[in-house]
Amino acid sequence: MFRSYYLRPLQTGRGDALQFEWDSESGDLRGSSADRVRQLAHDAQAVGIAVGHPHPTAYEITDPLRIPGQMAVLLGNEWELPPDLTAAYPEPPDDDAPPGAIF
């Protein structure tokens, strides 16, 4: 099922808003920003990681067009995330913490 998105840039004057529809089950995108989102996903998947919040946390990227949390990482660096992608944002991996670390 396609969902409609309109994402505003986090900083005014730094880029354009994104407007697209996305079906995370099929991985399909459509709309005026679909090509840009598709390219972001392709580039991140080719590298296999993306940096997200809290910076500089590395997240594995395997299939961002079908995994909402991975899409959230990619888009959340530059655009305001809607509630569904905010909720899908993954917890930072704790494997960077030294043994015995307390947070």
PDB file of N, CA and C in Angstrom:
ATOM      1  N   MET A   1       0.838  -1.177   0.000  1.00  0.00           N
ATOM      2  CA  MET A   1       0.000   0.000   0.000  1.00  0.00           C
ATOM      3  C   MET A   1       0.892   1.252   0.000  1.00  0.00           C
ATOM      4  N   PHE A   2       0.622   2.129  -0.922  1.00  0.00           N
ATOM      5  CA  PHE A   2       1.393   3.365  -1.013  1.00  0.00           C
ATOM      6  C   PHE A   2       0.984   4.335   0.088  1.00  0.00           C
ATOM      7  N   ARG A   3       1.993   4.997   0.651  1.00  0.00           N
ATOM      8  CA  ARG A   3       1.771   6.086   1.609  1.00  0.00           C
ATOM      9  C   ARG A   3       2.370   7.340   1.002  1.00  0.00           C
ATOM     10  N   SER A   4       1.731   8.472   1.229  1.00  0.00           N
ATOM     11  CA  SER A   4       2.212   9.751   0.700  1.00  0.00           C
ATOM     12  C   SER A   4       3.091  10.450   1.721  1.00  0.00           C
ATOM     13  N   TYR A   5       4.166  11.045   1.236  1.00  0.00           N
ATOM     14  CA  TYR A   5       5.107  11.750   2.102  1.00  0.00           C
ATOM     15  C   TYR A   5       5.421  13.124   1.542  1.00  0.00           C
ATOM     16  N   TYR A   6       5.511  14.073   2.444  1.00  0.00           N
ATOM     17  CA  TYR A   6       6.028  15.406   2.144  1.00  0.00           C
ATOM     18  C   TYR A   6       6.992  15.739   3.272  1.00  0.00           C
ATOM     19  N   LEU A   7       8.278  15.748   2.972  1.00  0.00           N
ATOM     20  CA  LEU A   7       9.300  15.961   3.991  1.00  0.00           C
ATOM     21  C   LEU A   7       9.981  17.305   3.760  1.00  0.00           C
ATOM     22  N   ARG A   8       9.949  18.149   4.783  1.00  0.00           N
ATOM     23  CA  ARG A   8      10.607  19.450   4.714  1.00  0.00           C
ATOM     24  C   ARG A   8      12.070  19.319   5.119  1.00  0.00           C
ATOM     25  N   PRO A   9      12.943  20.120   4.510  1.00  0.00           N
ATOM     26  CA  PRO A   9      14.351  20.090   4.920  1.00  0.00           C
ATOM     27  C   PRO A   9      14.496  20.501   6.387  1.00  0.00           C
ATOM     28  N   LEU A  10      15.463  19.905   7.061  1.00  0.00           N
ATOM     29  CA  LEU A  10      15.704  20.252   8.459  1.00  0.00           C
ATOM     30  C   LEU A  10      16.145  21.703   8.608  1.00  0.00           C
ATOM     31  N   GLN A  11      16.894  22.192   7.632  1.00  0.00           N
ATOM     32  CA  GLN A  11      17.381  23.568   7.693  1.00  0.00           C
ATOM     33  C   GLN A  11      16.821  24.340   6.511  1.00  0.00           C
ATOM     34  N   THR A  12      16.218  25.480   6.791  1.00  0.00           N
ATOM     35  CA  THR A  12      15.666  26.328   5.747  1.00  0.00           C
ATOM     36  C   THR A  12      16.777  26.766   4.809  1.00  0.00           C
ATOM     37  N   GLY A  13      16.493  26.683   3.533  1.00  0.00           N
ATOM     38  CA  GLY A  13      17.474  27.120   2.544  1.00  0.00           C
ATOM     39  C   GLY A  13      18.503  26.066   2.168  1.00  0.00           C
ATOM     40  N   ARG A  14      18.427  24.886   2.786  1.00  0.00           N
ATOM     41  CA  ARG A  14      19.366  23.804   2.466  1.00  0.00           C
ATOM     42  C   ARG A  14      18.637  22.678   1.763  1.00  0.00           C
ATOM     43  N   GLY A  15      18.342  22.880   0.508  1.00  0.00           N
ATOM     44  CA  GLY A  15      17.712  21.824  -0.265  1.00  0.00           C
ATOM     45  C   GLY A  15      16.213  21.976  -0.358  1.00  0.00           C
ATOM     46  N   ASP A  16      15.658  21.104  -1.157  1.00  0.00           N
ATOM     47  CA  ASP A  16      14.226  21.116  -1.426  1.00  0.00           C
ATOM     48  C   ASP A  16      13.499  20.082  -0.583  1.00  0.00           C
ATOM     49  N   ALA A  17      12.220  20.298  -0.428  1.00  0.00           N
ATOM     50  CA  ALA A  17      11.378  19.303   0.223  1.00  0.00           C
ATOM     51  C   ALA A  17      11.283  18.075  -0.679  1.00  0.00           C
ATOM     52  N   LEU A  18      10.984  16.949  -0.071  1.00  0.00           N
ATOM     53  CA  LEU A  18      10.752  15.720  -0.819  1.00  0.00           C
ATOM     54  C   LEU A  18       9.259  15.430  -0.827  1.00  0.00           C
ATOM     55  N   GLN A  19       8.752  15.079  -1.991  1.00  0.00           N
ATOM     56  CA  GLN A  19       7.351  14.691  -2.107  1.00  0.00           C
ATOM     57  C   GLN A  19       7.301  13.412  -2.932  1.00  0.00           C
ATOM     58  N   PHE A  20       6.809  12.340  -2.292  1.00  0.00           N
ATOM     59  CA  PHE A  20       6.778  11.051  -2.967  1.00  0.00           C
ATOM     60  C   PHE A  20       5.768  10.139  -2.299  1.00  0.00           C
ATOM     61  N   GLU A  21       5.466   9.052  -2.971  1.00  0.00           N
ATOM     62  CA  GLU A  21       4.646   7.983  -2.412  1.00  0.00           C
ATOM     63  C   GLU A  21       5.508   6.742  -2.384  1.00  0.00           C
ATOM     64  N   TRP A  22       5.373   5.950  -1.319  1.00  0.00           N
ATOM     65  CA  TRP A  22       6.235   4.784  -1.126  1.00  0.00           C
ATOM     66  C   TRP A  22       5.422   3.608  -0.617  1.00  0.00           C
ATOM     67  N   ASP A  23       5.663   2.454  -1.217  1.00  0.00           N
ATOM     68  CA  ASP A  23       5.089   1.195  -0.767  1.00  0.00           C
ATOM     69  C   ASP A  23       6.246   0.357  -0.237  1.00  0.00           C
ATOM     70  N   SER A  24       6.362   0.266   1.075  1.00  0.00           N
ATOM     71  CA  SER A  24       7.503  -0.434   1.668  1.00  0.00           C
ATOM     72  C   SER A  24       7.413  -1.949   1.484  1.00  0.00           C
ATOM     73  N   GLU A  25       6.235  -2.467   1.187  1.00  0.00           N
ATOM     74  CA  GLU A  25       6.119  -3.908   0.940  1.00  0.00           C
ATOM     75  C   GLU A  25       6.718  -4.285  -0.407  1.00  0.00           C
ATOM     76  N   SER A  26       6.452  -3.482  -1.421  1.00  0.00           N
ATOM     77  CA  SER A  26       6.973  -3.780  -2.765  1.00  0.00           C
ATOM     78  C   SER A  26       8.280  -3.053  -3.049  1.00  0.00           C
ATOM     79  N   GLY A  27       8.549  -1.978  -2.301  1.00  0.00           N
ATOM     80  CA  GLY A  27       9.737  -1.166  -2.553  1.00  0.00           C
ATOM     81  C   GLY A  27       9.536  -0.142  -3.650  1.00  0.00           C
ATOM     82  N   ASP A  28       8.307   0.026  -4.103  1.00  0.00           N
ATOM     83  CA  ASP A  28       8.020   0.959  -5.190  1.00  0.00           C
ATOM     84  C   ASP A  28       7.932   2.394  -4.688  1.00  0.00           C
ATOM     85  N   LEU A  29       8.404   3.299  -5.527  1.00  0.00           N
ATOM     86  CA  LEU A  29       8.320   4.736  -5.276  1.00  0.00           C
ATOM     87  C   LEU A  29       7.681   5.402  -6.477  1.00  0.00           C
ATOM     88  N   ARG A  30       6.944   6.472  -6.218  1.00  0.00           N
ATOM     89  CA  ARG A  30       6.420   7.284  -7.299  1.00  0.00           C
ATOM     90  C   ARG A  30       6.266   8.709  -6.780  1.00  0.00           C
ATOM     91  N   GLY A  31       6.145   9.647  -7.699  1.00  0.00           N
ATOM     92  CA  GLY A  31       5.986  11.043  -7.307  1.00  0.00           C
ATOM     93  C   GLY A  31       7.176  11.879  -7.739  1.00  0.00           C
ATOM     94  N   SER A  32       7.084  13.174  -7.487  1.00  0.00           N
ATOM     95  CA  SER A  32       8.076  14.117  -8.001  1.00  0.00           C
ATOM     96  C   SER A  32       9.479  13.913  -7.445  1.00  0.00           C
ATOM     97  N   SER A  33       9.621  13.361  -6.255  1.00  0.00           N
ATOM     98  CA  SER A  33      10.948  13.135  -5.668  1.00  0.00           C
ATOM     99  C   SER A  33      11.348  11.668  -5.663  1.00  0.00           C
ATOM    100  N   ALA A  34      10.585  10.828  -6.341  1.00  0.00           N
ATOM    101  CA  ALA A  34      10.847   9.383  -6.308  1.00  0.00           C
ATOM    102  C   ALA A  34      12.247   9.044  -6.815  1.00  0.00           C
ATOM    103  N   ASP A  35      12.688   9.673  -7.894  1.00  0.00           N
ATOM    104  CA  ASP A  35      14.017   9.363  -8.426  1.00  0.00           C
ATOM    105  C   ASP A  35      15.119   9.724  -7.439  1.00  0.00           C
ATOM    106  N   ARG A  36      14.948  10.846  -6.756  1.00  0.00           N
ATOM    107  CA  ARG A  36      15.962  11.259  -5.771  1.00  0.00           C
ATOM    108  C   ARG A  36      16.018  10.288  -4.594  1.00  0.00           C
ATOM    109  N   VAL A  37      14.873   9.888  -4.086  1.00  0.00           N
ATOM    110  CA  VAL A  37      14.823   8.940  -2.969  1.00  0.00           C
ATOM    111  C   VAL A  37      15.382   7.587  -3.411  1.00  0.00           C
ATOM    112  N   ARG A  38      15.023   7.165  -4.604  1.00  0.00           N
ATOM    113  CA  ARG A  38      15.525   5.893  -5.139  1.00  0.00           C
ATOM    114  C   ARG A  38      17.050   5.924  -5.244  1.00  0.00           C
ATOM    115  N   GLN A  39      17.608   7.047  -5.699  1.00  0.00           N
ATOM    116  CA  GLN A  39      19.062   7.163  -5.822  1.00  0.00           C
ATOM    117  C   GLN A  39      19.740   7.156  -4.454  1.00  0.00           C
ATOM    118  N   LEU A  40      19.164   7.847  -3.482  1.00  0.00           N
ATOM    119  CA  LEU A  40      19.706   7.816  -2.117  1.00  0.00           C
ATOM    120  C   LEU A  40      19.740   6.386  -1.588  1.00  0.00           C
ATOM    121  N   ALA A  41      18.649   5.664  -1.797  1.00  0.00           N
ATOM    122  CA  ALA A  41      18.569   4.280  -1.330  1.00  0.00           C
ATOM    123  C   ALA A  41      19.591   3.405  -2.046  1.00  0.00           C
ATOM    124  N   HIS A  42      19.698   3.558  -3.347  1.00  0.00           N
ATOM    125  CA  HIS A  42      20.646   2.766  -4.134  1.00  0.00           C
ATOM    126  C   HIS A  42      22.081   3.021  -3.685  1.00  0.00           C
ATOM    127  N   ASP A  43      22.436   4.298  -3.530  1.00  0.00           N
ATOM    128  CA  ASP A  43      23.804   4.650  -3.132  1.00  0.00           C
ATOM    129  C   ASP A  43      24.145   4.093  -1.754  1.00  0.00           C
ATOM    130  N   ALA A  44      23.220   4.224  -0.808  1.00  0.00           N
ATOM    131  CA  ALA A  44      23.467   3.724   0.553  1.00  0.00           C
ATOM    132  C   ALA A  44      23.552   2.203   0.567  1.00  0.00           C
ATOM    133  N   GLN A  45      22.708   1.554  -0.207  1.00  0.00           N
ATOM    134  CA  GLN A  45      22.734   0.090  -0.252  1.00  0.00           C
ATOM    135  C   GLN A  45      24.036  -0.402  -0.878  1.00  0.00           C
ATOM    136  N   ALA A  46      24.555   0.322  -1.857  1.00  0.00           N
ATOM    137  CA  ALA A  46      25.816  -0.057  -2.490  1.00  0.00           C
ATOM    138  C   ALA A  46      26.982   0.006  -1.502  1.00  0.00           C
ATOM    139  N   VAL A  47      26.949   0.983  -0.600  1.00  0.00           N
ATOM    140  CA  VAL A  47      27.989   1.129   0.419  1.00  0.00           C
ATOM    141  C   VAL A  47      27.751   0.154   1.566  1.00  0.00           C
ATOM    142  N   GLY A  48      26.487  -0.072   1.893  1.00  0.00           N
ATOM    143  CA  GLY A  48      26.133  -1.007   2.947  1.00  0.00           C
ATOM    144  C   GLY A  48      25.974  -0.401   4.324  1.00  0.00           C
ATOM    145  N   ILE A  49      26.287   0.864   4.471  1.00  0.00           N
ATOM    146  CA  ILE A  49      26.102   1.562   5.749  1.00  0.00           C
ATOM    147  C   ILE A  49      25.704   3.005   5.481  1.00  0.00           C
ATOM    148  N   ALA A  50      25.119   3.621   6.480  1.00  0.00           N
ATOM    149  CA  ALA A  50      24.815   5.050   6.443  1.00  0.00           C
ATOM    150  C   ALA A  50      24.968   5.589   7.853  1.00  0.00           C
ATOM    151  N   VAL A  51      25.405   6.812   7.953  1.00  0.00           N
ATOM    152  CA  VAL A  51      25.543   7.461   9.254  1.00  0.00           C
ATOM    153  C   VAL A  51      24.221   8.122   9.595  1.00  0.00           C
ATOM    154  N   GLY A  52      23.799   7.944  10.844  1.00  0.00           N
ATOM    155  CA  GLY A  52      22.545   8.534  11.293  1.00  0.00           C
ATOM    156  C   GLY A  52      22.675   9.049  12.711  1.00  0.00           C
ATOM    157  N   HIS A  53      21.529   9.302  13.319  1.00  0.00           N
ATOM    158  CA  HIS A  53      21.474   9.861  14.673  1.00  0.00           C
ATOM    159  C   HIS A  53      21.579   8.757  15.709  1.00  0.00           C
ATOM    160  N   PRO A  54      22.177   8.967  16.823  1.00  0.00           N
ATOM    161  CA  PRO A  54      23.021  10.123  17.117  1.00  0.00           C
ATOM    162  C   PRO A  54      24.333  10.036  16.333  1.00  0.00           C
ATOM    163  N   HIS A  55      24.719  11.165  15.812  1.00  0.00           N
ATOM    164  CA  HIS A  55      25.928  11.226  14.977  1.00  0.00           C
ATOM    165  C   HIS A  55      27.152  10.953  15.815  1.00  0.00           C
ATOM    166  N   PRO A  56      28.096  10.224  15.318  1.00  0.00           N
ATOM    167  CA  PRO A  56      28.178   9.530  14.035  1.00  0.00           C
ATOM    168  C   PRO A  56      27.924   8.035  14.194  1.00  0.00           C
ATOM    169  N   THR A  57      26.687   7.626  14.282  1.00  0.00           N
ATOM    170  CA  THR A  57      26.341   6.212  14.422  1.00  0.00           C
ATOM    171  C   THR A  57      26.182   5.592  13.034  1.00  0.00           C
ATOM    172  N   ALA A  58      26.829   4.474  12.811  1.00  0.00           N
ATOM    173  CA  ALA A  58      26.730   3.767  11.535  1.00  0.00           C
ATOM    174  C   ALA A  58      25.625   2.717  11.622  1.00  0.00           C
ATOM    175  N   TYR A  59      24.754   2.715  10.635  1.00  0.00           N
ATOM    176  CA  TYR A  59      23.668   1.745  10.552  1.00  0.00           C
ATOM    177  C   TYR A  59      23.854   0.910   9.287  1.00  0.00           C
ATOM    178  N   GLU A  60      23.627  -0.380   9.399  1.00  0.00           N
ATOM    179  CA  GLU A  60      23.692  -1.248   8.234  1.00  0.00           C
ATOM    180  C   GLU A  60      22.507  -0.947   7.313  1.00  0.00           C
ATOM    181  N   ILE A  61      22.785  -0.866   6.032  1.00  0.00           N
ATOM    182  CA  ILE A  61      21.748  -0.601   5.036  1.00  0.00           C
ATOM    183  C   ILE A  61      21.754  -1.762   4.048  1.00  0.00           C
ATOM    184  N   THR A  62      20.675  -2.536   4.052  1.00  0.00           N
ATOM    185  CA  THR A  62      20.585  -3.707   3.187  1.00  0.00           C
ATOM    186  C   THR A  62      19.459  -3.603   2.161  1.00  0.00           C
ATOM    187  N   ASP A  63      18.347  -2.973   2.527  1.00  0.00           N
ATOM    188  CA  ASP A  63      17.195  -2.862   1.628  1.00  0.00           C
ATOM    189  C   ASP A  63      16.303  -1.696   2.077  1.00  0.00           C
ATOM    190  N   PRO A  64      16.778  -0.474   1.921  1.00  0.00           N
ATOM    191  CA  PRO A  64      16.030   0.672   2.449  1.00  0.00           C
ATOM    192  C   PRO A  64      14.682   0.918   1.791  1.00  0.00           C
ATOM    193  N   LEU A  65      14.467   0.376   0.594  1.00  0.00           N
ATOM    194  CA  LEU A  65      13.162   0.571  -0.040  1.00  0.00           C
ATOM    195  C   LEU A  65      12.099  -0.360   0.527  1.00  0.00           C
ATOM    196  N   ARG A  66      12.533  -1.334   1.333  1.00  0.00           N
ATOM    197  CA  ARG A  66      11.575  -2.265   1.945  1.00  0.00           C
ATOM    198  C   ARG A  66      11.648  -2.282   3.481  1.00  0.00           C
ATOM    199  N   ILE A  67      12.637  -1.604   4.047  1.00  0.00           N
ATOM    200  CA  ILE A  67      12.797  -1.592   5.503  1.00  0.00           C
ATOM    201  C   ILE A  67      12.644  -0.143   5.989  1.00  0.00           C
ATOM    202  N   PRO A  68      11.495   0.189   6.576  1.00  0.00           N
ATOM    203  CA  PRO A  68      11.242   1.574   6.985  1.00  0.00           C
ATOM    204  C   PRO A  68      12.313   2.177   7.888  1.00  0.00           C
ATOM    205  N   GLY A  69      12.867   1.411   8.804  1.00  0.00           N
ATOM    206  CA  GLY A  69      13.909   1.955   9.676  1.00  0.00           C
ATOM    207  C   GLY A  69      15.136   2.399   8.901  1.00  0.00           C
ATOM    208  N   GLN A  70      15.496   1.646   7.888  1.00  0.00           N
ATOM    209  CA  GLN A  70      16.645   2.031   7.062  1.00  0.00           C
ATOM    210  C   GLN A  70      16.319   3.272   6.228  1.00  0.00           C
ATOM    211  N   MET A  71      15.096   3.367   5.724  1.00  0.00           N
ATOM    212  CA  MET A  71      14.680   4.563   5.003  1.00  0.00           C
ATOM    213  C   MET A  71      14.710   5.772   5.934  1.00  0.00           C
ATOM    214  N   ALA A  72      14.298   5.584   7.178  1.00  0.00           N
ATOM    215  CA  ALA A  72      14.312   6.674   8.155  1.00  0.00           C
ATOM    216  C   ALA A  72      15.731   7.185   8.386  1.00  0.00           C
ATOM    217  N   VAL A  73      16.691   6.275   8.493  1.00  0.00           N
ATOM    218  CA  VAL A  73      18.087   6.693   8.681  1.00  0.00           C
ATOM    219  C   VAL A  73      18.536   7.545   7.499  1.00  0.00           C
ATOM    220  N   LEU A  74      18.243   7.098   6.283  1.00  0.00           N
ATOM    221  CA  LEU A  74      18.682   7.823   5.093  1.00  0.00           C
ATOM    222  C   LEU A  74      18.061   9.208   4.989  1.00  0.00           C
ATOM    223  N   LEU A  75      16.783   9.313   5.281  1.00  0.00           N
ATOM    224  CA  LEU A  75      16.092  10.583   5.099  1.00  0.00           C
ATOM    225  C   LEU A  75      16.218  11.506   6.300  1.00  0.00           C
ATOM    226  N   GLY A  76      16.419  10.945   7.494  1.00  0.00           N
ATOM    227  CA  GLY A  76      16.419  11.737   8.725  1.00  0.00           C
ATOM    228  C   GLY A  76      17.607  12.652   8.911  1.00  0.00           C
ATOM    229  N   ASN A  77      18.625  12.523   8.089  1.00  0.00           N
ATOM    230  CA  ASN A  77      19.775  13.429   8.200  1.00  0.00           C
ATOM    231  C   ASN A  77      19.503  14.797   7.599  1.00  0.00           C
ATOM    232  N   GLU A  78      18.610  14.846   6.609  1.00  0.00           N
ATOM    233  CA  GLU A  78      18.387  16.106   5.903  1.00  0.00           C
ATOM    234  C   GLU A  78      16.946  16.595   5.926  1.00  0.00           C
ATOM    235  N   TRP A  79      16.002  15.702   6.238  1.00  0.00           N
ATOM    236  CA  TRP A  79      14.594  16.076   6.191  1.00  0.00           C
ATOM    237  C   TRP A  79      13.889  15.709   7.492  1.00  0.00           C
ATOM    238  N   GLU A  80      12.832  16.470   7.809  1.00  0.00           N
ATOM    239  CA  GLU A  80      12.001  16.166   8.967  1.00  0.00           C
ATOM    240  C   GLU A  80      11.214  14.897   8.679  1.00  0.00           C
ATOM    241  N   LEU A  81      11.305  13.944   9.573  1.00  0.00           N
ATOM    242  CA  LEU A  81      10.615  12.674   9.370  1.00  0.00           C
ATOM    243  C   LEU A  81       9.173  12.749   9.856  1.00  0.00           C
ATOM    244  N   PRO A  82       8.257  12.115   9.133  1.00  0.00           N
ATOM    245  CA  PRO A  82       6.881  12.024   9.606  1.00  0.00           C
ATOM    246  C   PRO A  82       6.796  11.010  10.750  1.00  0.00           C
ATOM    247  N   PRO A  83       5.698  10.985  11.477  1.00  0.00           N
ATOM    248  CA  PRO A  83       5.597  10.107  12.648  1.00  0.00           C
ATOM    249  C   PRO A  83       5.883   8.628  12.374  1.00  0.00           C
ATOM    250  N   ASP A  84       5.427   8.093  11.236  1.00  0.00           N
ATOM    251  CA  ASP A  84       5.648   6.667  10.993  1.00  0.00           C
ATOM    252  C   ASP A  84       7.128   6.337  10.791  1.00  0.00           C
ATOM    253  N   LEU A  85       7.876   7.215  10.124  1.00  0.00           N
ATOM    254  CA  LEU A  85       9.309   6.961   9.956  1.00  0.00           C
ATOM    255  C   LEU A  85      10.085   7.268  11.233  1.00  0.00           C
ATOM    256  N   THR A  86       9.626   8.244  11.994  1.00  0.00           N
ATOM    257  CA  THR A  86      10.257   8.512  13.288  1.00  0.00           C
ATOM    258  C   THR A  86      10.133   7.286  14.187  1.00  0.00           C
ATOM    259  N   ALA A  87       8.965   6.678  14.202  1.00  0.00           N
ATOM    260  CA  ALA A  87       8.744   5.482  15.023  1.00  0.00           C
ATOM    261  C   ALA A  87       9.567   4.297  14.527  1.00  0.00           C
ATOM    262  N   ALA A  88       9.863   4.255  13.233  1.00  0.00           N
ATOM    263  CA  ALA A  88      10.623   3.135  12.662  1.00  0.00           C
ATOM    264  C   ALA A  88      12.127   3.307  12.813  1.00  0.00           C
ATOM    265  N   TYR A  89      12.571   4.509  13.218  1.00  0.00           N
ATOM    266  CA  TYR A  89      14.012   4.775  13.317  1.00  0.00           C
ATOM    267  C   TYR A  89      14.647   3.765  14.279  1.00  0.00           C
ATOM    268  N   PRO A  90      15.690   3.080  13.840  1.00  0.00           N
ATOM    269  CA  PRO A  90      16.271   2.035  14.694  1.00  0.00           C
ATOM    270  C   PRO A  90      17.020   2.581  15.902  1.00  0.00           C
ATOM    271  N   GLU A  91      17.076   1.759  16.933  1.00  0.00           N
ATOM    272  CA  GLU A  91      17.903   2.091  18.089  1.00  0.00           C
ATOM    273  C   GLU A  91      19.365   1.990  17.668  1.00  0.00           C
ATOM    274  N   PRO A  92      20.213   2.863  18.178  1.00  0.00           N
ATOM    275  CA  PRO A  92      21.629   2.762  17.824  1.00  0.00           C
ATOM    276  C   PRO A  92      22.204   1.428  18.285  1.00  0.00           C
ATOM    277  N   PRO A  93      23.047   0.845  17.463  1.00  0.00           N
ATOM    278  CA  PRO A  93      23.687  -0.404  17.896  1.00  0.00           C
ATOM    279  C   PRO A  93      24.585  -0.127  19.089  1.00  0.00           C
ATOM    280  N   ASP A  94      24.609  -1.035  20.038  1.00  0.00           N
ATOM    281  CA  ASP A  94      25.431  -0.815  21.226  1.00  0.00           C
ATOM    282  C   ASP A  94      26.765  -1.546  21.141  1.00  0.00           C
ATOM    283  N   ASP A  95      27.100  -2.072  19.963  1.00  0.00           N
ATOM    284  CA  ASP A  95      28.341  -2.827  19.834  1.00  0.00           C
ATOM    285  C   ASP A  95      29.576  -1.938  19.822  1.00  0.00           C
ATOM    286  N   ASP A  96      29.422  -0.620  19.788  1.00  0.00           N
ATOM    287  CA  ASP A  96      30.569   0.282  19.836  1.00  0.00           C
ATOM    288  C   ASP A  96      31.008   0.563  21.267  1.00  0.00           C
ATOM    289  N   ALA A  97      30.196   0.196  22.217  1.00  0.00           N
ATOM    290  CA  ALA A  97      30.505   0.487  23.614  1.00  0.00           C
ATOM    291  C   ALA A  97      31.568  -0.494  24.118  1.00  0.00           C
ATOM    292  N   PRO A  98      32.519   0.014  24.842  1.00  0.00           N
ATOM    293  CA  PRO A  98      33.526  -0.886  25.411  1.00  0.00           C
ATOM    294  C   PRO A  98      32.910  -1.778  26.485  1.00  0.00           C
ATOM    295  N   PRO A  99      33.477  -2.956  26.686  1.00  0.00           N
ATOM    296  CA  PRO A  99      32.948  -3.852  27.734  1.00  0.00           C
ATOM    297  C   PRO A  99      32.888  -3.133  29.086  1.00  0.00           C
ATOM    298  N   GLY A 100      31.766  -3.291  29.759  1.00  0.00           N
ATOM    299  CA  GLY A 100      31.601  -2.694  31.085  1.00  0.00           C
ATOM    300  C   GLY A 100      31.159  -1.256  31.068  1.00  0.00           C
ATOM    301  N   ALA A 101      30.947  -0.662  29.885  1.00  0.00           N
ATOM    302  CA  ALA A 101      30.535   0.732  29.821  1.00  0.00           C
ATOM    303  C   ALA A 101      29.137   0.886  30.401  1.00  0.00           C
ATOM    304  N   ILE A 102      28.924   1.981  31.115  1.00  0.00           N
ATOM    305  CA  ILE A 102      27.621   2.296  31.694  1.00  0.00           C
ATOM    306  C   ILE A 102      27.161   3.615  31.120  1.00  0.00           C
ATOM    307  N   PHE A 103      25.912   3.623  30.631  1.00  0.00           N
ATOM    308  CA  PHE A 103      25.369   4.856  30.038  1.00  0.00           C
ATOM    309  C   PHE A 103      24.256   5.396  30.894  1.00  0.00           C
TER     310      PHE A 103
END
